[in-house]
Amino acid sequence: APIYFRRPPDRDAFYGDNDLPDLAVRDGQWKFLCEYDGTEPELYNMKTDRGEKQNLAAKHPALVAKFTKACIAWHKSLPPDNGPNLVRSQKR
């Protein structure tokens, strides 16, 4: 069964990486990441690239479409986390 992940909205950085993907799914050998709206897709084959060095999204558009649709549907099924707006509201 696929395992989904949504980045907590208060974590916009991790060890200096300031552009973390918002949504992710691990399904078999594949790990897919994208933004809330499905943009900036990243696709990795975890059997051959555990270090996530080679983004295969451009080579597998059908998988990207499948995982994008699944991630967005899963995200919409959850209570809202207010995404980037939560971080802005906490800085006031």
N, C-alpha and C. Protein backbone atom coordinates (compact mmCIF):
# COMPACT_ATOMS: atom_id res chain seq x y z
N ALA A 1 0.84 -1.19 0.00
CA ALA A 1 0.00 0.00 0.00
C ALA A 1 0.88 1.25 0.00
N PRO A 2 0.49 2.27 -0.72
CA PRO A 2 1.27 3.51 -0.75
C PRO A 2 1.31 4.18 0.62
N ILE A 3 2.37 4.87 0.89
CA ILE A 3 2.52 5.65 2.12
C ILE A 3 2.61 7.12 1.71
N TYR A 4 1.70 7.94 2.24
CA TYR A 4 1.65 9.37 1.89
C TYR A 4 2.23 10.21 3.01
N PHE A 5 2.69 11.41 2.65
CA PHE A 5 3.27 12.34 3.61
C PHE A 5 2.93 13.76 3.19
N ARG A 6 2.58 14.57 4.18
CA ARG A 6 2.38 16.01 3.95
C ARG A 6 3.30 16.75 4.91
N ARG A 7 4.12 17.62 4.35
CA ARG A 7 5.06 18.38 5.17
C ARG A 7 4.30 19.24 6.16
N PRO A 8 4.67 19.20 7.44
CA PRO A 8 4.02 20.09 8.40
C PRO A 8 4.22 21.54 7.97
N PRO A 9 3.18 22.36 8.00
CA PRO A 9 3.27 23.72 7.47
C PRO A 9 4.24 24.62 8.22
N ASP A 10 4.60 24.27 9.43
CA ASP A 10 5.54 25.10 10.18
C ASP A 10 6.99 24.71 9.91
N ARG A 11 7.21 23.73 9.05
CA ARG A 11 8.57 23.30 8.71
C ARG A 11 8.88 23.66 7.27
N ASP A 12 9.31 24.87 7.06
CA ASP A 12 9.63 25.30 5.70
C ASP A 12 11.09 25.09 5.36
N ALA A 13 11.88 24.60 6.31
CA ALA A 13 13.29 24.35 6.05
C ALA A 13 13.75 23.12 6.84
N PHE A 14 14.79 22.49 6.34
CA PHE A 14 15.36 21.32 7.00
C PHE A 14 16.85 21.30 6.72
N TYR A 15 17.64 21.51 7.74
CA TYR A 15 19.10 21.51 7.61
C TYR A 15 19.57 22.36 6.44
N GLY A 16 19.03 23.55 6.33
CA GLY A 16 19.48 24.49 5.31
C GLY A 16 18.76 24.39 3.98
N ASP A 17 17.96 23.35 3.79
CA ASP A 17 17.19 23.22 2.55
C ASP A 17 15.90 24.01 2.74
N ASN A 18 15.76 25.11 2.02
CA ASN A 18 14.62 26.00 2.21
C ASN A 18 13.50 25.81 1.20
N ASP A 19 13.56 24.79 0.38
CA ASP A 19 12.53 24.59 -0.64
C ASP A 19 12.05 23.14 -0.59
N LEU A 20 11.47 22.76 0.51
CA LEU A 20 11.01 21.38 0.68
C LEU A 20 9.70 21.14 -0.05
N PRO A 21 9.54 19.96 -0.65
CA PRO A 21 8.25 19.62 -1.27
C PRO A 21 7.16 19.52 -0.20
N ASP A 22 5.93 19.77 -0.61
CA ASP A 22 4.81 19.74 0.34
C ASP A 22 4.20 18.35 0.50
N LEU A 23 4.14 17.58 -0.58
CA LEU A 23 3.48 16.28 -0.57
C LEU A 23 4.43 15.21 -1.08
N ALA A 24 4.23 13.98 -0.60
CA ALA A 24 5.06 12.88 -1.06
C ALA A 24 4.29 11.57 -0.95
N VAL A 25 4.70 10.61 -1.76
CA VAL A 25 4.16 9.26 -1.66
C VAL A 25 5.28 8.29 -1.97
N ARG A 26 5.30 7.20 -1.24
CA ARG A 26 6.21 6.09 -1.53
C ARG A 26 5.34 4.92 -1.92
N ASP A 27 5.56 4.39 -3.11
CA ASP A 27 4.76 3.28 -3.64
C ASP A 27 5.71 2.30 -4.32
N GLY A 28 5.96 1.19 -3.65
CA GLY A 28 6.90 0.21 -4.20
C GLY A 28 8.28 0.81 -4.33
N GLN A 29 8.85 0.73 -5.53
CA GLN A 29 10.20 1.24 -5.76
C GLN A 29 10.22 2.75 -5.96
N TRP A 30 9.06 3.38 -6.08
CA TRP A 30 8.99 4.80 -6.43
C TRP A 30 8.77 5.70 -5.23
N LYS A 31 9.44 6.84 -5.24
CA LYS A 31 9.20 7.92 -4.29
C LYS A 31 8.89 9.15 -5.13
N PHE A 32 7.74 9.77 -4.85
CA PHE A 32 7.28 10.94 -5.61
C PHE A 32 7.06 12.09 -4.65
N LEU A 33 7.49 13.29 -5.06
CA LEU A 33 7.31 14.50 -4.26
C LEU A 33 6.81 15.62 -5.15
N CYS A 34 6.00 16.53 -4.59
CA CYS A 34 5.51 17.68 -5.35
C CYS A 34 5.02 18.76 -4.39
N GLU A 35 4.66 19.89 -4.96
CA GLU A 35 4.06 20.98 -4.19
C GLU A 35 2.56 20.71 -4.00
N TYR A 36 1.89 21.53 -3.19
CA TYR A 36 0.46 21.34 -2.94
C TYR A 36 -0.36 21.30 -4.23
N ASP A 37 0.06 22.07 -5.23
CA ASP A 37 -0.70 22.13 -6.49
C ASP A 37 -0.19 21.15 -7.54
N GLY A 38 0.74 20.29 -7.17
CA GLY A 38 1.25 19.29 -8.09
C GLY A 38 2.44 19.73 -8.91
N THR A 39 2.87 20.96 -8.74
CA THR A 39 4.01 21.45 -9.51
C THR A 39 5.33 20.94 -8.91
N GLU A 40 6.39 21.16 -9.63
CA GLU A 40 7.75 20.77 -9.22
C GLU A 40 7.86 19.29 -8.86
N PRO A 41 7.40 18.40 -9.75
CA PRO A 41 7.44 16.97 -9.44
C PRO A 41 8.87 16.42 -9.38
N GLU A 42 9.06 15.52 -8.44
CA GLU A 42 10.32 14.78 -8.33
C GLU A 42 9.95 13.30 -8.23
N LEU A 43 10.62 12.46 -8.99
CA LEU A 43 10.35 11.03 -9.00
C LEU A 43 11.68 10.29 -8.91
N TYR A 44 11.79 9.41 -7.93
CA TYR A 44 13.02 8.66 -7.72
C TYR A 44 12.73 7.17 -7.66
N ASN A 45 13.62 6.38 -8.25
CA ASN A 45 13.56 4.93 -8.15
C ASN A 45 14.43 4.54 -6.96
N MET A 46 13.79 4.17 -5.86
CA MET A 46 14.52 3.92 -4.63
C MET A 46 15.31 2.62 -4.65
N LYS A 47 15.04 1.75 -5.61
CA LYS A 47 15.84 0.52 -5.74
C LYS A 47 17.22 0.83 -6.31
N THR A 48 17.28 1.79 -7.22
CA THR A 48 18.54 2.07 -7.90
C THR A 48 19.16 3.41 -7.51
N ASP A 49 18.43 4.24 -6.76
CA ASP A 49 18.90 5.59 -6.44
C ASP A 49 18.45 5.99 -5.04
N ARG A 50 18.97 5.30 -4.04
CA ARG A 50 18.57 5.59 -2.66
C ARG A 50 18.95 7.00 -2.22
N GLY A 51 19.95 7.58 -2.83
CA GLY A 51 20.38 8.93 -2.47
C GLY A 51 19.58 10.02 -3.15
N GLU A 52 18.59 9.64 -3.96
CA GLU A 52 17.71 10.59 -4.65
C GLU A 52 18.52 11.63 -5.43
N LYS A 53 19.40 11.15 -6.27
CA LYS A 53 20.26 12.03 -7.07
C LYS A 53 19.71 12.26 -8.47
N GLN A 54 18.91 11.30 -9.00
CA GLN A 54 18.44 11.40 -10.38
C GLN A 54 16.92 11.50 -10.41
N ASN A 55 16.42 12.72 -10.66
CA ASN A 55 14.99 12.96 -10.77
C ASN A 55 14.50 12.40 -12.10
N LEU A 56 13.65 11.39 -12.06
CA LEU A 56 13.17 10.70 -13.26
C LEU A 56 11.81 11.20 -13.73
N ALA A 57 11.33 12.31 -13.19
CA ALA A 57 9.99 12.80 -13.53
C ALA A 57 9.81 13.01 -15.03
N ALA A 58 10.77 13.58 -15.69
CA ALA A 58 10.64 13.85 -17.13
C ALA A 58 10.60 12.57 -17.96
N LYS A 59 11.19 11.51 -17.45
CA LYS A 59 11.24 10.24 -18.19
C LYS A 59 10.00 9.37 -17.97
N HIS A 60 9.21 9.69 -16.96
CA HIS A 60 8.04 8.87 -16.63
C HIS A 60 6.79 9.74 -16.41
N PRO A 61 6.32 10.43 -17.46
CA PRO A 61 5.17 11.34 -17.29
C PRO A 61 3.90 10.64 -16.83
N ALA A 62 3.69 9.39 -17.20
CA ALA A 62 2.48 8.68 -16.77
C ALA A 62 2.51 8.44 -15.26
N LEU A 63 3.67 8.08 -14.72
CA LEU A 63 3.79 7.90 -13.28
C LEU A 63 3.62 9.23 -12.55
N VAL A 64 4.20 10.28 -13.11
CA VAL A 64 4.06 11.62 -12.50
C VAL A 64 2.58 12.01 -12.44
N ALA A 65 1.86 11.80 -13.52
CA ALA A 65 0.42 12.13 -13.55
C ALA A 65 -0.34 11.31 -12.52
N LYS A 66 -0.04 10.03 -12.45
CA LYS A 66 -0.72 9.13 -11.49
C LYS A 66 -0.45 9.56 -10.05
N PHE A 67 0.82 9.78 -9.72
CA PHE A 67 1.18 10.13 -8.35
C PHE A 67 0.72 11.54 -7.99
N THR A 68 0.76 12.47 -8.94
CA THR A 68 0.27 13.83 -8.68
C THR A 68 -1.21 13.78 -8.32
N LYS A 69 -1.99 13.10 -9.13
CA LYS A 69 -3.42 12.99 -8.87
C LYS A 69 -3.69 12.34 -7.51
N ALA A 70 -2.96 11.28 -7.20
CA ALA A 70 -3.15 10.58 -5.93
C ALA A 70 -2.76 11.45 -4.74
N CYS A 71 -1.64 12.16 -4.84
CA CYS A 71 -1.19 13.02 -3.73
C CYS A 71 -2.16 14.15 -3.46
N ILE A 72 -2.63 14.79 -4.53
CA ILE A 72 -3.56 15.91 -4.36
C ILE A 72 -4.88 15.42 -3.79
N ALA A 73 -5.38 14.29 -4.27
CA ALA A 73 -6.63 13.74 -3.73
C ALA A 73 -6.47 13.39 -2.26
N TRP A 74 -5.36 12.78 -1.90
CA TRP A 74 -5.11 12.42 -0.50
C TRP A 74 -5.03 13.69 0.36
N HIS A 75 -4.30 14.69 -0.12
CA HIS A 75 -4.15 15.96 0.61
C HIS A 75 -5.52 16.61 0.84
N LYS A 76 -6.36 16.61 -0.18
CA LYS A 76 -7.69 17.23 -0.05
C LYS A 76 -8.60 16.46 0.89
N SER A 77 -8.30 15.19 1.14
CA SER A 77 -9.13 14.39 2.04
C SER A 77 -8.81 14.65 3.51
N LEU A 78 -7.73 15.37 3.77
CA LEU A 78 -7.31 15.66 5.14
C LEU A 78 -7.84 17.01 5.61
N PRO A 79 -7.88 17.22 6.92
CA PRO A 79 -8.22 18.56 7.41
C PRO A 79 -7.19 19.56 6.88
N PRO A 80 -7.61 20.80 6.59
CA PRO A 80 -6.66 21.77 6.05
C PRO A 80 -5.54 22.07 7.04
N ASP A 81 -4.35 22.28 6.51
CA ASP A 81 -3.22 22.66 7.36
C ASP A 81 -2.80 24.10 7.09
N ASN A 82 -3.48 24.76 6.18
CA ASN A 82 -3.24 26.16 5.82
C ASN A 82 -1.90 26.41 5.15
N GLY A 83 -1.15 25.37 4.87
CA GLY A 83 0.07 25.47 4.09
C GLY A 83 0.89 26.70 4.40
N PRO A 84 1.33 27.43 3.38
CA PRO A 84 2.20 28.59 3.58
C PRO A 84 1.55 29.69 4.40
N ASN A 85 0.23 29.79 4.41
CA ASN A 85 -0.44 30.85 5.17
C ASN A 85 -0.23 30.69 6.67
N LEU A 86 -0.07 29.46 7.16
CA LEU A 86 0.14 29.23 8.58
C LEU A 86 1.46 29.87 9.01
N VAL A 87 2.49 29.68 8.25
CA VAL A 87 3.80 30.24 8.59
C VAL A 87 3.72 31.76 8.63
N ARG A 88 3.08 32.36 7.64
CA ARG A 88 2.94 33.82 7.61
C ARG A 88 2.17 34.33 8.83
N SER A 89 1.10 33.62 9.22
CA SER A 89 0.28 34.08 10.34
C SER A 89 1.04 33.97 11.66
N GLN A 90 1.98 33.03 11.77
CA GLN A 90 2.74 32.87 13.01
C GLN A 90 3.81 33.95 13.17
N LYS A 91 4.18 34.60 12.08
CA LYS A 91 5.24 35.61 12.14
C LYS A 91 4.72 36.98 12.54
N ARG A 92 3.42 37.12 12.70
CA ARG A 92 2.85 38.43 13.04
C ARG A 92 3.11 38.81 14.46
